[in-house]
Protein backbone atom coordinates (compact mmCIF):
# COMPACT_ATOMS: atom_id res chain seq x y z
CA MET A 1 -42.62 -17.10 9.84
CA GLN A 2 -45.56 -15.51 11.62
CA ASN A 3 -45.63 -11.71 11.75
CA LEU A 4 -45.86 -10.06 15.17
CA GLU A 5 -49.39 -8.93 16.12
CA VAL A 6 -49.30 -6.05 18.56
CA VAL A 7 -52.45 -5.64 20.62
CA HIS A 8 -51.36 -2.63 22.63
CA GLU A 9 -48.15 -0.71 23.22
CA ASN A 10 -47.16 2.19 25.52
CA LYS A 11 -43.94 3.49 27.08
CA GLY A 12 -43.84 0.81 29.76
CA TYR A 13 -44.94 -2.46 28.07
CA ILE A 14 -46.04 -4.10 24.88
CA VAL A 15 -49.01 -6.60 24.60
CA VAL A 16 -48.95 -9.05 21.70
CA ASN A 17 -51.03 -11.86 20.36
CA LYS A 18 -48.68 -14.84 20.42
CA ALA A 19 -48.90 -17.21 17.50
CA ALA A 20 -49.15 -20.93 18.28
CA GLY A 21 -46.05 -22.81 17.29
CA LEU A 22 -43.57 -20.32 18.75
CA ILE A 23 -41.97 -20.43 22.19
CA SER A 24 -42.29 -17.32 24.27
CA GLU A 25 -38.69 -16.48 25.17
CA ARG A 26 -35.31 -16.70 23.42
CA SER A 27 -33.63 -20.02 23.16
CA PRO A 28 -30.29 -21.12 21.58
CA TYR A 29 -32.24 -23.95 19.93
CA GLU A 30 -34.85 -21.75 18.21
CA GLU A 31 -34.34 -19.37 15.29
CA ASN A 32 -37.56 -17.45 15.90
CA THR A 33 -39.31 -16.76 19.19
CA VAL A 34 -41.88 -14.23 20.32
CA GLU A 35 -39.17 -12.47 22.37
CA ASP A 36 -37.04 -12.24 19.17
CA GLN A 37 -39.95 -10.74 17.32
CA VAL A 38 -40.75 -8.16 20.01
CA TYR A 39 -37.06 -7.14 20.31
CA ALA A 40 -36.85 -6.67 16.58
CA HIS A 41 -39.94 -4.54 16.74
CA LEU A 42 -38.54 -2.36 19.63
CA LEU A 43 -35.26 -1.89 17.68
CA GLU A 44 -37.16 0.17 15.11
CA GLY A 45 -37.43 2.98 17.68
CA ASN A 46 -34.58 2.31 20.12
CA ARG A 47 -31.03 1.10 19.42
CA LYS A 48 -30.71 -0.48 22.84
CA PRO A 49 -34.21 -1.38 24.03
CA PHE A 50 -34.86 -3.09 27.41
CA LEU A 51 -37.07 -6.15 27.08
CA GLY A 52 -38.32 -8.17 30.07
CA VAL A 53 -40.18 -11.47 29.84
CA ILE A 54 -43.09 -11.14 32.29
CA HIS A 55 -44.82 -14.43 31.72
CA ARG A 56 -44.95 -17.26 29.15
CA LEU A 57 -47.37 -19.43 27.11
CA ASP A 58 -46.77 -23.03 25.93
CA ARG A 59 -45.54 -23.35 22.36
CA VAL A 60 -48.81 -24.91 21.30
CA THR A 61 -50.96 -22.09 22.84
CA SER A 62 -51.83 -18.83 21.25
CA GLY A 63 -52.92 -15.54 22.83
CA VAL A 64 -52.22 -12.51 24.93
CA LEU A 65 -48.59 -12.01 26.14
CA ILE A 66 -47.08 -8.98 27.84
CA PHE A 67 -43.46 -7.89 27.69
CA ALA A 68 -41.92 -5.11 29.80
CA LYS A 69 -40.02 -2.24 28.13
CA LYS A 70 -38.66 -0.98 31.49
CA LYS A 71 -37.12 -2.84 34.42
CA SER A 72 -39.51 -1.08 36.85
CA ILE A 73 -42.46 -2.32 34.83
CA LEU A 74 -41.07 -5.86 34.87
CA ILE A 75 -40.83 -5.74 38.66
CA GLU A 76 -44.31 -4.36 38.92
CA PHE A 77 -45.85 -7.03 36.74
CA ASN A 78 -43.87 -9.75 38.54
CA GLU A 79 -45.36 -8.62 41.80
CA LEU A 80 -48.85 -8.61 40.29
CA PHE A 81 -48.41 -12.18 39.05
CA SER A 82 -46.89 -13.49 42.28
CA SER A 83 -49.72 -11.98 44.35
CA ARG A 84 -52.25 -13.44 41.94
CA LYS A 85 -53.75 -10.08 41.13
CA ILE A 86 -53.88 -10.86 37.43
CA GLN A 87 -56.76 -12.79 36.00
CA LYS A 88 -56.13 -14.80 32.80
CA THR A 89 -59.07 -16.01 30.79
CA TYR A 90 -58.59 -18.75 28.18
CA LEU A 91 -60.76 -20.20 25.48
CA ALA A 92 -60.51 -23.91 24.84
CA ILE A 93 -62.19 -26.14 22.25
CA VAL A 94 -62.93 -29.69 23.38
CA LYS A 95 -64.45 -32.48 21.25
CA GLU A 96 -66.66 -34.09 23.92
CA LYS A 97 -69.57 -32.38 25.73
CA PRO A 98 -68.50 -31.39 29.23
CA ARG A 99 -70.34 -33.10 32.10
CA LYS A 100 -71.59 -29.72 33.32
CA GLU A 101 -72.34 -26.34 31.74
CA LYS A 102 -70.04 -24.73 34.33
CA GLU A 103 -67.79 -26.19 37.04
CA THR A 104 -64.82 -25.56 39.30
CA LEU A 105 -62.12 -28.20 39.14
CA VAL A 106 -59.75 -28.82 42.10
CA ASN A 107 -56.89 -31.23 41.63
CA PHE A 108 -53.34 -31.97 42.71
CA LEU A 109 -50.74 -31.94 40.00
CA MET A 110 -47.28 -33.36 39.79
CA LYS A 111 -44.81 -32.28 37.06
CA ASN A 112 -43.02 -35.01 35.18
CA THR A 113 -39.92 -33.05 34.05
CA LYS A 114 -38.52 -35.93 32.04
CA GLU A 115 -41.61 -36.30 29.90
CA LYS A 116 -42.52 -32.57 30.03
CA ARG A 117 -46.05 -33.20 31.18
CA ALA A 118 -48.13 -32.99 34.34
CA VAL A 119 -50.20 -35.71 35.99
CA VAL A 120 -53.07 -35.60 38.40
CA VAL A 121 -52.43 -37.31 41.72
CA LYS A 122 -54.74 -38.07 44.66
CA SER A 123 -53.38 -35.66 47.23
CA LYS A 124 -50.94 -32.87 48.02
CA SER A 125 -47.37 -33.85 48.80
CA SER A 126 -43.90 -32.57 48.61
CA VAL A 127 -43.88 -33.15 44.85
CA SER A 128 -47.47 -32.09 44.03
CA GLN A 129 -49.40 -28.81 44.14
CA GLU A 130 -53.06 -27.92 44.35
CA CYS A 131 -54.55 -26.33 41.20
CA ARG A 132 -57.95 -24.78 40.57
CA LEU A 133 -59.82 -23.53 37.56
CA SER A 134 -63.37 -22.81 36.58
CA TYR A 135 -64.90 -23.34 33.15
CA GLU A 136 -68.13 -22.48 31.40
CA VAL A 137 -69.52 -23.78 28.12
CA LEU A 138 -70.09 -20.86 25.73
CA GLY A 139 -71.08 -22.54 22.52
CA GLN A 140 -70.75 -25.41 20.04
CA ASN A 141 -69.81 -25.84 16.42
CA GLU A 142 -69.00 -28.81 14.15
CA PHE A 143 -65.57 -29.30 15.77
CA GLY A 144 -66.56 -29.26 19.41
CA TYR A 145 -67.54 -27.16 22.42
CA LEU A 146 -66.09 -23.78 23.30
CA LEU A 147 -65.16 -23.29 26.91
CA GLU A 148 -64.23 -20.15 28.81
CA VAL A 149 -61.58 -21.19 31.30
CA LYS A 150 -60.33 -19.16 34.29
CA PRO A 151 -57.37 -20.69 36.15
CA LYS A 152 -57.14 -19.70 39.79
CA THR A 153 -53.61 -20.98 40.08
CA GLY A 154 -50.74 -20.96 37.54
CA ARG A 155 -49.42 -24.55 37.39
CA PHE A 156 -47.52 -26.28 34.50
CA HIS A 157 -50.01 -27.40 31.78
CA GLN A 158 -52.80 -26.88 34.32
CA ILE A 159 -55.70 -26.29 31.85
CA ARG A 160 -54.62 -29.06 29.62
CA VAL A 161 -54.25 -31.77 32.23
CA GLN A 162 -57.28 -30.76 34.32
CA LEU A 163 -59.65 -30.82 31.34
CA ALA A 164 -58.15 -34.15 30.15
CA HIS A 165 -58.62 -35.55 33.67
CA ILE A 166 -62.42 -35.20 33.32
CA GLY A 167 -62.41 -36.66 29.83
CA ILE A 168 -62.46 -33.52 27.71
CA PRO A 169 -58.91 -32.94 26.46
CA VAL A 170 -58.27 -29.81 24.39
CA ILE A 171 -58.52 -30.73 20.69
CA GLY A 172 -55.19 -31.47 19.11
CA ASP A 173 -53.54 -32.06 22.47
CA GLU A 174 -52.19 -35.54 21.85
CA LYS A 175 -49.91 -35.34 24.90
CA TYR A 176 -53.05 -35.38 27.05
CA GLY A 177 -55.25 -37.82 25.08
CA SER A 178 -56.87 -35.88 22.26
CA ASP A 179 -57.51 -37.98 19.12
CA GLN A 180 -58.83 -35.13 17.08
CA GLU A 181 -56.75 -33.57 14.28
CA TYR A 182 -55.89 -29.90 14.65
CA LEU A 183 -53.37 -27.42 13.32
CA PRO A 184 -49.58 -28.16 13.31
CA LEU A 185 -47.67 -27.23 16.51
CA SER A 186 -50.92 -26.06 18.02
CA ILE A 187 -53.85 -27.06 20.20
CA GLY A 188 -57.29 -25.55 20.60
CA LEU A 189 -56.29 -23.37 23.55
CA HIS A 190 -56.13 -19.55 23.29
CA ALA A 191 -55.13 -17.09 26.03
CA TRP A 192 -57.94 -14.70 25.38
CA LYS A 193 -57.91 -12.03 28.06
CA LEU A 194 -55.57 -10.75 30.74
CA SER A 195 -57.04 -8.28 33.34
CA TYR A 196 -55.71 -6.58 36.47
CA LYS A 197 -56.31 -3.45 38.53
CA LYS A 198 -53.80 -0.67 38.86
CA ASP A 199 -54.36 2.48 40.88
CA GLU A 200 -58.06 1.58 41.09
CA GLN A 201 -58.17 1.42 37.33
CA GLN A 202 -59.19 -1.81 35.70
CA GLU A 203 -56.92 -2.76 32.80
CA SER A 204 -57.83 -5.52 30.33
CA TYR A 205 -56.28 -6.74 27.08
CA GLN A 206 -57.73 -9.24 24.65
CA ALA A 207 -56.06 -11.26 21.93
CA PRO A 208 -58.11 -11.76 18.73
CA LEU A 209 -59.02 -15.45 18.04
CA PRO A 210 -57.03 -17.57 15.55
CA LYS A 211 -58.40 -17.04 12.05
CA HIS A 212 -59.62 -20.59 11.39
CA PRO A 213 -62.98 -22.38 11.09
CA TYR A 214 -62.22 -24.17 14.30
CA TRP A 215 -62.81 -20.89 16.11
CA ASP A 216 -66.04 -19.90 14.29
CA PHE A 217 -68.77 -20.03 16.93
CA GLY A 218 -71.22 -17.73 15.27
CA GLY A 219 -70.02 -14.45 16.68
CA ILE A 220 -70.54 -15.29 20.35
CA ILE A 221 -67.07 -14.00 21.13
CA GLN A 222 -67.07 -10.22 20.90
CA PRO A 223 -63.88 -8.11 20.96
CA VAL A 224 -63.37 -5.63 23.81
CA ASN A 225 -62.94 -1.96 23.08
CA GLU A 226 -59.56 -0.87 21.95
CA LYS A 227 -57.48 1.12 24.44
């Protein structure tokens, strides 16, 4: 069982570094989730803590995740997400060299609920949605290329399917065509940063990279200052 890694905590919310392999919120089919871990952590200082799930990450994805400790904070963050005032920045490792050093991808995605995957379709329709992201190549190691990815929309499996669509699936992501071995219940995708502006003050939280040689790119990824 992975230990909870707290990135930042205050009276209103808690920021954690989600481990790959865990789902974000409680489920009757899972013995251990990130929400369970956070709740156990909050119980140490409060017998009846409030815990609100603000957003989620796929099971196979690691990285920064925020939970609300007050209902008012949950509402506040929900409004920030719905109005797209929060910028998420991901890091992805891909085996093949991207066709460009930096690029913006625009596609239309359709969710296949039965197969729990998304597919790219030619145009927008009643069952598809436009999605956008930008990527930039930051470095290379023996396993592949490191991309900084900034989604402009928040669609289901967006990063995974859009990168796979141009021939560079995230390593370990067999669902979207990767043939490269990776860690169990995990792919080479990490939710690295989450930033937003509140009362003219820029807030930013960063989740440390997984401790594995796959993520060794010679120190090109520098941690932000602690809050």
